[in-house]
């Protein structure tokens, strides 16, 4: 009797271990879709951004935001200075990241000495200034776009806005809004 129970138990264990359990599927790669930055329009101040001490987030009826109620501004002071606004996001493997942003410029400057340099650095891509915008960008909101391309591994991408102003040439203010980070 003891041998029969042992044989039956061994047969049951063999049956359980050879195919009765469902196969475990590997985890799927994250979808390459959607907006991935938590605060693209500065509606929550500089949350999710590293901002220099003179970066102001505001919006009013005289200088309204492009959408919502807030935008980041590099307020012109007519002094020699630089201000930095940047953020870093994770880009999943095999995904392209497209960054779109809007800029508005107001100035009393008459020569090109104030700039907003926009850069994109992604793992595996050499650092590069993608746009160098001067005072003549215009008082209306204009959209710009840049992309990382795809890579077989996960990586990080850092977008930076660096405003440089020179003293004595007039006041230039660069406003930035709706910085979207879309995966595809």
N, C-alpha and C. Protein backbone atom coordinates (compact mmCIF):
# COMPACT_ATOMS: atom_id res chain seq x y z
N UNK A 1 0.82 -1.18 0.00
CA UNK A 1 0.00 0.00 0.00
C UNK A 1 0.87 1.25 0.00
N UNK A 2 1.95 1.21 0.82
CA UNK A 2 2.84 2.35 0.91
C UNK A 2 3.49 2.62 -0.44
N UNK A 3 3.87 1.58 -1.17
CA UNK A 3 4.48 1.74 -2.49
C UNK A 3 3.50 2.33 -3.48
N UNK A 4 2.23 1.96 -3.41
CA UNK A 4 1.20 2.48 -4.30
C UNK A 4 0.97 3.97 -4.06
N UNK A 5 0.94 4.41 -2.81
CA UNK A 5 0.76 5.82 -2.48
C UNK A 5 1.96 6.61 -2.96
N UNK A 6 3.16 6.09 -2.76
CA UNK A 6 4.38 6.77 -3.18
C UNK A 6 4.41 6.90 -4.70
N UNK A 7 4.02 5.86 -5.42
CA UNK A 7 3.98 5.90 -6.88
C UNK A 7 2.94 6.89 -7.36
N UNK A 8 1.77 6.91 -6.75
CA UNK A 8 0.71 7.84 -7.13
C UNK A 8 1.14 9.29 -6.87
N UNK A 9 1.80 9.51 -5.74
CA UNK A 9 2.28 10.85 -5.40
C UNK A 9 3.33 11.30 -6.40
N UNK A 10 4.25 10.42 -6.77
CA UNK A 10 5.29 10.75 -7.74
C UNK A 10 4.67 11.06 -9.10
N UNK A 11 3.66 10.32 -9.51
CA UNK A 11 2.99 10.55 -10.79
C UNK A 11 2.27 11.90 -10.78
N UNK A 12 1.65 12.24 -9.67
CA UNK A 12 0.94 13.52 -9.55
C UNK A 12 1.93 14.68 -9.62
N UNK A 13 3.05 14.56 -8.94
CA UNK A 13 4.07 15.61 -8.98
C UNK A 13 4.65 15.77 -10.38
N UNK A 14 4.87 14.65 -11.07
CA UNK A 14 5.37 14.69 -12.43
C UNK A 14 4.38 15.38 -13.34
N UNK A 15 3.11 15.09 -13.20
CA UNK A 15 2.06 15.71 -14.01
C UNK A 15 2.03 17.21 -13.76
N UNK A 16 2.14 17.63 -12.51
CA UNK A 16 2.10 19.05 -12.19
C UNK A 16 3.30 19.80 -12.72
N UNK A 17 4.45 19.15 -12.75
CA UNK A 17 5.66 19.85 -13.17
C UNK A 17 5.89 19.82 -14.67
N UNK A 18 5.10 19.11 -15.42
CA UNK A 18 5.37 18.98 -16.86
C UNK A 18 4.25 19.56 -17.71
N UNK A 19 3.85 20.76 -17.44
CA UNK A 19 2.93 21.36 -18.39
C UNK A 19 1.60 21.78 -17.83
N UNK A 20 1.29 21.49 -16.62
CA UNK A 20 0.00 21.93 -16.14
C UNK A 20 0.02 23.39 -15.71
N UNK A 21 1.20 23.95 -15.44
CA UNK A 21 1.29 25.36 -15.06
C UNK A 21 1.39 26.21 -16.32
N UNK A 22 0.75 27.40 -16.34
CA UNK A 22 0.85 28.26 -17.52
C UNK A 22 2.27 28.79 -17.68
N UNK A 23 2.67 28.97 -18.93
CA UNK A 23 4.01 29.49 -19.21
C UNK A 23 4.05 30.97 -18.85
N UNK A 24 5.17 31.45 -18.31
CA UNK A 24 5.35 32.85 -17.95
C UNK A 24 5.82 33.60 -19.19
N UNK A 25 5.11 34.66 -19.53
CA UNK A 25 5.46 35.47 -20.69
C UNK A 25 6.47 36.54 -20.26
N UNK A 26 7.46 36.85 -21.10
CA UNK A 26 8.39 37.94 -20.74
C UNK A 26 7.66 39.27 -20.74
N UNK A 27 8.14 40.19 -19.94
CA UNK A 27 7.52 41.52 -19.85
C UNK A 27 7.66 42.22 -21.19
N UNK A 28 6.60 42.90 -21.60
CA UNK A 28 6.61 43.63 -22.87
C UNK A 28 7.36 44.94 -22.70
N UNK A 29 7.99 45.40 -23.79
CA UNK A 29 8.63 46.70 -23.76
C UNK A 29 7.57 47.77 -23.56
N UNK A 30 7.92 48.89 -22.89
CA UNK A 30 6.95 49.96 -22.73
C UNK A 30 6.53 50.52 -24.08
N UNK A 31 5.33 50.98 -24.16
CA UNK A 31 4.82 51.54 -25.42
C UNK A 31 5.56 52.84 -25.73
N UNK A 32 5.84 53.04 -26.99
CA UNK A 32 6.51 54.26 -27.42
C UNK A 32 5.47 55.30 -27.84
N UNK A 33 4.60 55.64 -26.94
CA UNK A 33 3.58 56.64 -27.24
C UNK A 33 3.37 57.53 -26.03
N UNK A 34 2.94 58.73 -26.29
CA UNK A 34 2.50 59.61 -25.22
C UNK A 34 3.50 60.65 -24.76
N UNK A 35 2.96 61.59 -24.03
CA UNK A 35 3.69 62.70 -23.41
C UNK A 35 4.30 62.17 -22.11
N UNK A 36 5.61 62.38 -21.90
CA UNK A 36 6.25 61.77 -20.74
C UNK A 36 6.75 62.76 -19.69
N UNK A 37 6.66 64.06 -19.90
CA UNK A 37 7.12 65.02 -18.88
C UNK A 37 5.94 65.43 -18.00
N UNK A 38 6.13 65.49 -16.68
CA UNK A 38 5.02 65.78 -15.78
C UNK A 38 4.55 67.24 -15.77
N UNK A 39 5.33 68.17 -16.32
CA UNK A 39 4.97 69.58 -16.23
C UNK A 39 5.43 70.34 -17.48
N UNK A 40 4.90 70.01 -18.66
CA UNK A 40 5.40 70.62 -19.89
C UNK A 40 5.01 72.08 -20.07
N UNK A 41 3.95 72.52 -19.40
CA UNK A 41 3.47 73.89 -19.58
C UNK A 41 3.73 74.79 -18.40
N UNK A 42 4.53 74.33 -17.41
CA UNK A 42 4.90 75.11 -16.24
C UNK A 42 3.71 75.50 -15.37
N UNK A 43 2.62 74.75 -15.50
CA UNK A 43 1.43 75.05 -14.70
C UNK A 43 1.69 74.79 -13.21
N UNK A 44 2.67 73.96 -12.90
CA UNK A 44 3.04 73.70 -11.50
C UNK A 44 4.40 74.32 -11.19
N UNK A 45 4.63 75.52 -11.72
CA UNK A 45 5.89 76.21 -11.48
C UNK A 45 7.03 75.49 -12.17
N UNK A 46 8.13 75.32 -11.46
CA UNK A 46 9.30 74.66 -12.05
C UNK A 46 9.40 73.20 -11.62
N UNK A 47 8.31 72.61 -11.12
CA UNK A 47 8.31 71.19 -10.77
C UNK A 47 8.73 70.37 -11.98
N UNK A 48 9.71 69.48 -11.81
CA UNK A 48 10.20 68.65 -12.90
C UNK A 48 11.29 69.32 -13.72
N UNK A 49 11.66 70.53 -13.37
CA UNK A 49 12.68 71.29 -14.08
C UNK A 49 13.75 71.75 -13.10
N UNK A 50 14.98 71.89 -13.59
CA UNK A 50 16.03 72.58 -12.84
C UNK A 50 16.03 74.00 -13.39
N UNK A 51 15.83 74.97 -12.52
CA UNK A 51 15.71 76.35 -12.98
C UNK A 51 16.70 77.25 -12.26
N UNK A 52 17.34 78.14 -13.02
CA UNK A 52 18.24 79.12 -12.45
C UNK A 52 17.47 80.09 -11.56
N UNK A 53 18.17 80.86 -10.77
CA UNK A 53 17.50 81.72 -9.79
C UNK A 53 16.67 82.84 -10.40
N UNK A 54 16.93 83.20 -11.64
CA UNK A 54 16.17 84.29 -12.26
C UNK A 54 15.09 83.80 -13.22
N UNK A 55 14.83 82.50 -13.25
CA UNK A 55 13.75 81.97 -14.10
C UNK A 55 12.44 82.23 -13.37
N UNK A 56 11.53 82.89 -14.04
CA UNK A 56 10.25 83.24 -13.46
C UNK A 56 9.16 82.50 -14.21
N UNK A 57 8.20 81.99 -13.48
CA UNK A 57 7.05 81.37 -14.13
C UNK A 57 5.85 82.25 -13.85
N UNK A 58 5.23 82.73 -14.93
CA UNK A 58 4.10 83.63 -14.75
C UNK A 58 3.17 83.57 -15.94
N UNK A 59 2.15 84.31 -15.87
CA UNK A 59 1.20 84.47 -16.94
C UNK A 59 0.20 85.53 -16.49
N UNK A 60 -0.08 86.48 -17.33
CA UNK A 60 -1.04 87.51 -16.97
C UNK A 60 -1.77 87.97 -18.23
N UNK A 61 -2.67 88.90 -18.09
CA UNK A 61 -3.46 89.34 -19.24
C UNK A 61 -2.65 90.17 -20.23
N UNK A 62 -1.59 90.82 -19.76
CA UNK A 62 -0.78 91.63 -20.66
C UNK A 62 0.13 90.73 -21.50
N UNK A 63 0.73 89.73 -20.87
CA UNK A 63 1.60 88.77 -21.57
C UNK A 63 1.10 87.36 -21.25
N UNK A 64 0.04 86.93 -21.88
CA UNK A 64 -0.54 85.63 -21.54
C UNK A 64 0.32 84.46 -22.00
N UNK A 65 0.13 83.34 -21.32
CA UNK A 65 0.78 82.09 -21.71
C UNK A 65 0.23 81.66 -23.07
N UNK A 66 0.96 80.80 -23.75
CA UNK A 66 0.46 80.28 -25.02
C UNK A 66 -0.80 79.46 -24.79
N UNK A 67 -0.77 78.57 -23.81
CA UNK A 67 -1.95 77.84 -23.35
C UNK A 67 -1.86 77.77 -21.83
N UNK A 68 -2.94 77.50 -21.19
CA UNK A 68 -2.93 77.45 -19.73
C UNK A 68 -2.74 78.84 -19.15
N UNK A 69 -2.11 78.88 -17.99
CA UNK A 69 -1.93 80.18 -17.35
C UNK A 69 -0.48 80.52 -17.03
N UNK A 70 0.47 79.63 -17.33
CA UNK A 70 1.86 79.87 -16.94
C UNK A 70 2.83 79.58 -18.07
N UNK A 71 4.01 80.19 -17.99
CA UNK A 71 5.11 79.92 -18.89
C UNK A 71 6.40 80.31 -18.17
N UNK A 72 7.52 79.84 -18.66
CA UNK A 72 8.82 80.21 -18.09
C UNK A 72 9.36 81.40 -18.86
N UNK A 73 9.91 82.35 -18.14
CA UNK A 73 10.48 83.51 -18.80
C UNK A 73 11.89 83.77 -18.30
N UNK A 74 12.74 84.12 -19.24
CA UNK A 74 14.08 84.56 -18.95
C UNK A 74 13.99 86.08 -19.01
N UNK A 75 13.67 86.70 -17.88
CA UNK A 75 13.36 88.13 -17.84
C UNK A 75 14.58 88.97 -18.15
N UNK A 76 14.44 89.84 -19.13
CA UNK A 76 15.53 90.72 -19.53
C UNK A 76 15.83 91.77 -18.48
N UNK A 77 17.11 91.93 -18.20
CA UNK A 77 17.53 92.90 -17.18
C UNK A 77 18.55 93.90 -17.72
N UNK A 78 19.00 93.74 -18.97
CA UNK A 78 20.05 94.55 -19.56
C UNK A 78 21.33 94.53 -18.71
N UNK A 79 21.66 93.35 -18.23
CA UNK A 79 22.92 93.12 -17.52
C UNK A 79 23.55 91.87 -18.15
N UNK A 80 24.86 91.74 -18.04
CA UNK A 80 25.52 90.54 -18.55
C UNK A 80 25.21 89.37 -17.61
N UNK A 81 24.54 88.36 -18.12
CA UNK A 81 24.13 87.24 -17.29
C UNK A 81 23.74 86.06 -18.16
N UNK A 82 23.62 84.90 -17.53
CA UNK A 82 23.11 83.69 -18.18
C UNK A 82 22.14 83.03 -17.22
N UNK A 83 21.09 82.43 -17.75
CA UNK A 83 20.11 81.68 -16.97
C UNK A 83 19.87 80.35 -17.65
N UNK A 84 19.75 79.29 -16.84
CA UNK A 84 19.58 77.94 -17.36
C UNK A 84 18.29 77.32 -16.86
N UNK A 85 17.58 76.69 -17.77
CA UNK A 85 16.38 75.91 -17.47
C UNK A 85 16.58 74.57 -18.17
N UNK A 86 16.48 73.45 -17.42
CA UNK A 86 16.68 72.15 -18.07
C UNK A 86 15.90 71.07 -17.34
N UNK A 87 15.75 69.95 -18.06
CA UNK A 87 15.09 68.78 -17.52
C UNK A 87 15.63 67.53 -18.20
N UNK A 88 15.52 66.40 -17.51
CA UNK A 88 15.99 65.12 -18.04
C UNK A 88 14.86 64.11 -17.97
N UNK A 89 14.69 63.35 -19.04
CA UNK A 89 13.65 62.31 -19.10
C UNK A 89 14.28 61.00 -19.55
N UNK A 90 13.62 59.89 -19.22
CA UNK A 90 14.06 58.57 -19.67
C UNK A 90 13.38 58.23 -20.99
N UNK A 91 14.17 57.70 -21.91
CA UNK A 91 13.65 57.29 -23.22
C UNK A 91 13.79 55.77 -23.31
N UNK A 92 12.67 55.04 -23.41
CA UNK A 92 12.75 53.58 -23.49
C UNK A 92 13.48 53.12 -24.75
N UNK A 93 13.96 51.88 -24.71
CA UNK A 93 14.64 51.29 -25.86
C UNK A 93 13.72 51.29 -27.07
N UNK A 94 14.30 51.50 -28.23
CA UNK A 94 13.62 51.48 -29.53
C UNK A 94 12.54 52.55 -29.67
N UNK A 95 12.63 53.61 -28.87
CA UNK A 95 11.68 54.73 -28.96
C UNK A 95 12.40 55.99 -29.43
N UNK A 96 11.70 56.80 -30.18
CA UNK A 96 12.18 58.12 -30.57
C UNK A 96 11.49 59.13 -29.67
N UNK A 97 12.21 60.15 -29.23
CA UNK A 97 11.64 61.23 -28.43
C UNK A 97 11.66 62.50 -29.25
N UNK A 98 10.50 63.10 -29.42
CA UNK A 98 10.39 64.38 -30.12
C UNK A 98 10.03 65.44 -29.09
N UNK A 99 10.82 66.49 -29.05
CA UNK A 99 10.58 67.61 -28.15
C UNK A 99 10.10 68.78 -28.99
N UNK A 100 8.95 69.32 -28.62
CA UNK A 100 8.41 70.50 -29.28
C UNK A 100 8.24 71.58 -28.21
N UNK A 101 8.56 72.80 -28.57
CA UNK A 101 8.43 73.89 -27.62
C UNK A 101 8.11 75.18 -28.36
N UNK A 102 7.55 76.13 -27.62
CA UNK A 102 7.16 77.41 -28.17
C UNK A 102 7.98 78.51 -27.50
N UNK A 103 8.41 79.50 -28.30
CA UNK A 103 9.20 80.61 -27.79
C UNK A 103 8.60 81.92 -28.31
N UNK A 104 8.60 82.91 -27.42
CA UNK A 104 8.19 84.27 -27.78
C UNK A 104 9.31 85.19 -27.29
N UNK A 105 9.65 86.19 -28.10
CA UNK A 105 10.75 87.10 -27.75
C UNK A 105 10.25 88.54 -27.81
N UNK A 106 10.55 89.30 -26.76
CA UNK A 106 10.30 90.74 -26.79
C UNK A 106 11.62 91.43 -26.46
N UNK A 107 11.87 92.56 -27.12
CA UNK A 107 13.17 93.19 -26.96
C UNK A 107 13.15 94.67 -27.27
N UNK A 108 14.13 95.37 -26.73
CA UNK A 108 14.45 96.74 -27.13
C UNK A 108 15.83 96.76 -27.79
N UNK A 109 16.41 95.59 -27.98
CA UNK A 109 17.74 95.44 -28.54
C UNK A 109 17.75 95.75 -30.04
N UNK A 110 18.87 96.31 -30.52
CA UNK A 110 19.00 96.59 -31.95
C UNK A 110 20.14 95.84 -32.60
N UNK A 111 20.94 95.13 -31.80
CA UNK A 111 22.01 94.30 -32.35
C UNK A 111 21.93 92.92 -31.73
N UNK A 112 22.49 91.93 -32.41
CA UNK A 112 22.40 90.55 -31.93
C UNK A 112 23.43 90.28 -30.83
N UNK A 113 23.01 90.46 -29.59
CA UNK A 113 23.92 90.11 -28.50
C UNK A 113 23.23 89.29 -27.41
N UNK A 114 21.92 89.14 -27.47
CA UNK A 114 21.17 88.33 -26.52
C UNK A 114 20.65 87.10 -27.24
N UNK A 115 20.85 85.92 -26.61
CA UNK A 115 20.50 84.66 -27.26
C UNK A 115 19.80 83.72 -26.31
N UNK A 116 18.99 82.84 -26.87
CA UNK A 116 18.44 81.69 -26.16
C UNK A 116 18.95 80.47 -26.93
N UNK A 117 19.87 79.73 -26.33
CA UNK A 117 20.41 78.52 -26.94
C UNK A 117 19.65 77.32 -26.39
N UNK A 118 19.16 76.49 -27.29
CA UNK A 118 18.38 75.32 -26.90
C UNK A 118 19.19 74.09 -27.30
N UNK A 119 19.47 73.23 -26.31
CA UNK A 119 20.28 72.05 -26.56
C UNK A 119 19.57 70.77 -26.22
N UNK A 120 20.02 69.69 -26.84
CA UNK A 120 19.50 68.36 -26.57
C UNK A 120 20.69 67.42 -26.46
N UNK A 121 20.77 66.72 -25.33
CA UNK A 121 21.82 65.73 -25.12
C UNK A 121 21.12 64.42 -24.79
N UNK A 122 21.39 63.39 -25.55
CA UNK A 122 20.85 62.06 -25.28
C UNK A 122 22.00 61.09 -25.21
N UNK A 123 21.86 60.07 -24.38
CA UNK A 123 22.89 59.05 -24.27
C UNK A 123 23.23 58.54 -25.67
N UNK A 124 24.49 58.56 -26.01
CA UNK A 124 24.93 58.07 -27.32
C UNK A 124 24.94 59.11 -28.42
N UNK A 125 24.47 60.33 -28.15
CA UNK A 125 24.46 61.40 -29.14
C UNK A 125 25.37 62.51 -28.63
N UNK A 126 26.30 63.02 -29.42
CA UNK A 126 27.16 64.11 -28.95
C UNK A 126 26.32 65.34 -28.57
N UNK A 127 26.70 66.05 -27.49
CA UNK A 127 25.97 67.27 -27.12
C UNK A 127 25.96 68.26 -28.26
N UNK A 128 24.84 68.94 -28.42
CA UNK A 128 24.72 69.86 -29.55
C UNK A 128 23.68 70.93 -29.23
N UNK A 129 24.00 72.16 -29.60
CA UNK A 129 23.00 73.23 -29.55
C UNK A 129 22.15 73.07 -30.80
N UNK A 130 20.87 72.85 -30.60
CA UNK A 130 19.98 72.64 -31.74
C UNK A 130 19.45 73.95 -32.32
N UNK A 131 19.23 74.94 -31.43
CA UNK A 131 18.71 76.23 -31.87
C UNK A 131 19.44 77.33 -31.12
N UNK A 132 19.77 78.40 -31.82
CA UNK A 132 20.31 79.60 -31.19
C UNK A 132 19.41 80.74 -31.64
N UNK A 133 18.51 81.13 -30.75
CA UNK A 133 17.50 82.11 -31.09
C UNK A 133 17.92 83.48 -30.58
N UNK A 134 17.81 84.49 -31.42
CA UNK A 134 18.21 85.84 -31.06
C UNK A 134 16.98 86.70 -30.79
N UNK A 135 17.24 87.97 -30.55
CA UNK A 135 16.17 88.91 -30.20
C UNK A 135 15.12 89.04 -31.29
N UNK A 136 15.47 88.71 -32.53
CA UNK A 136 14.54 88.93 -33.64
C UNK A 136 13.61 87.74 -33.88
N UNK A 137 13.42 86.88 -32.88
CA UNK A 137 12.53 85.73 -33.01
C UNK A 137 11.07 86.12 -33.15
N UNK A 138 10.69 87.25 -32.61
CA UNK A 138 9.34 87.76 -32.79
C UNK A 138 8.50 87.70 -31.53
N UNK A 139 7.56 88.62 -31.43
CA UNK A 139 6.70 88.75 -30.25
C UNK A 139 5.55 87.75 -30.25
N UNK A 140 5.37 87.01 -31.34
CA UNK A 140 4.34 85.96 -31.40
C UNK A 140 4.98 84.63 -31.04
N UNK A 141 4.19 83.73 -30.48
CA UNK A 141 4.70 82.40 -30.15
C UNK A 141 5.06 81.65 -31.42
N UNK A 142 6.26 81.06 -31.45
CA UNK A 142 6.72 80.24 -32.58
C UNK A 142 7.12 78.87 -32.06
N UNK A 143 6.79 77.84 -32.83
CA UNK A 143 7.10 76.47 -32.41
C UNK A 143 8.38 75.97 -33.05
N UNK A 144 9.14 75.20 -32.26
CA UNK A 144 10.37 74.57 -32.71
C UNK A 144 10.30 73.09 -32.31
N UNK A 145 11.08 72.26 -33.01
CA UNK A 145 11.02 70.82 -32.76
C UNK A 145 12.40 70.20 -32.93
N UNK A 146 12.68 69.16 -32.12
CA UNK A 146 13.92 68.40 -32.25
C UNK A 146 13.66 66.98 -31.79
N UNK A 147 14.52 66.05 -32.20
CA UNK A 147 14.28 64.64 -31.95
C UNK A 147 15.57 63.92 -31.60
N UNK A 148 15.45 62.83 -30.83
CA UNK A 148 16.62 62.04 -30.44
C UNK A 148 16.95 60.92 -31.42
N UNK A 149 15.98 60.44 -32.17
CA UNK A 149 16.17 59.22 -32.95
C UNK A 149 16.02 58.02 -32.02
N UNK A 150 16.07 56.82 -32.57
CA UNK A 150 15.89 55.62 -31.77
C UNK A 150 17.23 55.00 -31.42
N UNK A 151 17.22 54.17 -30.37
CA UNK A 151 18.41 53.43 -29.96
C UNK A 151 17.94 52.09 -29.40
N UNK A 152 18.76 51.05 -29.47
CA UNK A 152 18.33 49.73 -29.01
C UNK A 152 18.28 49.59 -27.48
N UNK A 153 18.79 50.57 -26.75
CA UNK A 153 18.78 50.50 -25.29
C UNK A 153 18.09 51.72 -24.69
N UNK A 154 17.65 51.58 -23.44
CA UNK A 154 17.07 52.73 -22.75
C UNK A 154 18.16 53.78 -22.54
N UNK A 155 17.77 55.05 -22.57
CA UNK A 155 18.74 56.13 -22.37
C UNK A 155 18.07 57.33 -21.76
N UNK A 156 18.84 58.34 -21.46
CA UNK A 156 18.28 59.59 -20.94
C UNK A 156 18.47 60.68 -21.96
N UNK A 157 17.59 61.66 -21.90
CA UNK A 157 17.68 62.83 -22.77
C UNK A 157 17.52 64.07 -21.90
N UNK A 158 18.41 65.03 -22.08
CA UNK A 158 18.36 66.29 -21.33
C UNK A 158 18.15 67.43 -22.31
N UNK A 159 17.14 68.23 -22.04
CA UNK A 159 16.85 69.42 -22.83
C UNK A 159 17.22 70.63 -21.99
N UNK A 160 17.94 71.57 -22.59
CA UNK A 160 18.34 72.76 -21.85
C UNK A 160 18.04 74.02 -22.64
N UNK A 161 17.63 75.05 -21.91
CA UNK A 161 17.40 76.38 -22.45
C UNK A 161 18.37 77.30 -21.71
N UNK A 162 19.32 77.89 -22.43
CA UNK A 162 20.31 78.76 -21.82
C UNK A 162 20.19 80.15 -22.44
N UNK A 163 19.73 81.11 -21.63
CA UNK A 163 19.60 82.48 -22.11
C UNK A 163 20.85 83.26 -21.72
N UNK A 164 21.41 83.98 -22.67
CA UNK A 164 22.58 84.82 -22.43
C UNK A 164 22.24 86.24 -22.85
N UNK A 165 22.50 87.17 -21.95
CA UNK A 165 22.20 88.57 -22.21
C UNK A 165 23.45 89.40 -21.96
N UNK A 166 23.66 90.42 -22.80
CA UNK A 166 24.79 91.34 -22.64
C UNK A 166 24.28 92.69 -22.19
N UNK A 167 25.04 93.36 -21.34
CA UNK A 167 24.64 94.66 -20.83
C UNK A 167 24.82 95.75 -21.88
N UNK A 168 23.94 96.73 -21.84
CA UNK A 168 24.09 97.93 -22.65
C UNK A 168 23.52 97.88 -24.05
N UNK A 169 22.93 96.75 -24.44
CA UNK A 169 22.40 96.64 -25.80
C UNK A 169 20.88 96.61 -25.84
N UNK A 170 20.23 96.84 -24.73
CA UNK A 170 18.77 96.76 -24.66
C UNK A 170 18.34 95.52 -23.91
N UNK A 171 17.08 95.46 -23.61
CA UNK A 171 16.50 94.38 -22.81
C UNK A 171 15.83 93.36 -23.72
N UNK A 172 16.15 92.07 -23.53
CA UNK A 172 15.50 91.00 -24.28
C UNK A 172 14.92 90.00 -23.30
N UNK A 173 13.67 89.63 -23.53
CA UNK A 173 13.00 88.62 -22.71
C UNK A 173 12.62 87.46 -23.60
N UNK A 174 13.02 86.25 -23.19
CA UNK A 174 12.64 85.03 -23.90
C UNK A 174 11.61 84.29 -23.05
N UNK A 175 10.46 83.98 -23.62
CA UNK A 175 9.42 83.21 -22.94
C UNK A 175 9.34 81.83 -23.58
N UNK A 176 9.20 80.79 -22.76
CA UNK A 176 9.13 79.40 -23.23
C UNK A 176 7.87 78.77 -22.66
N UNK A 177 7.12 78.06 -23.49
CA UNK A 177 5.89 77.40 -23.03
C UNK A 177 5.68 76.10 -23.81
N UNK A 178 4.85 75.25 -23.24
CA UNK A 178 4.41 74.00 -23.88
C UNK A 178 5.58 73.18 -24.43
N UNK A 179 6.49 72.79 -23.56
CA UNK A 179 7.63 71.96 -23.95
C UNK A 179 7.17 70.51 -23.83
N UNK A 180 6.75 69.92 -24.95
CA UNK A 180 6.21 68.56 -24.90
C UNK A 180 7.30 67.55 -25.24
N UNK A 181 7.19 66.39 -24.60
CA UNK A 181 8.14 65.29 -24.76
C UNK A 181 7.34 64.06 -25.18
N UNK A 182 7.25 63.80 -26.48
CA UNK A 182 6.43 62.70 -27.00
C UNK A 182 7.27 61.56 -27.52
N UNK A 183 6.90 60.36 -27.08
CA UNK A 183 7.54 59.13 -27.57
C UNK A 183 6.82 58.63 -28.82
N UNK A 184 7.58 58.06 -29.72
CA UNK A 184 6.99 57.41 -30.90
C UNK A 184 7.90 56.28 -31.33
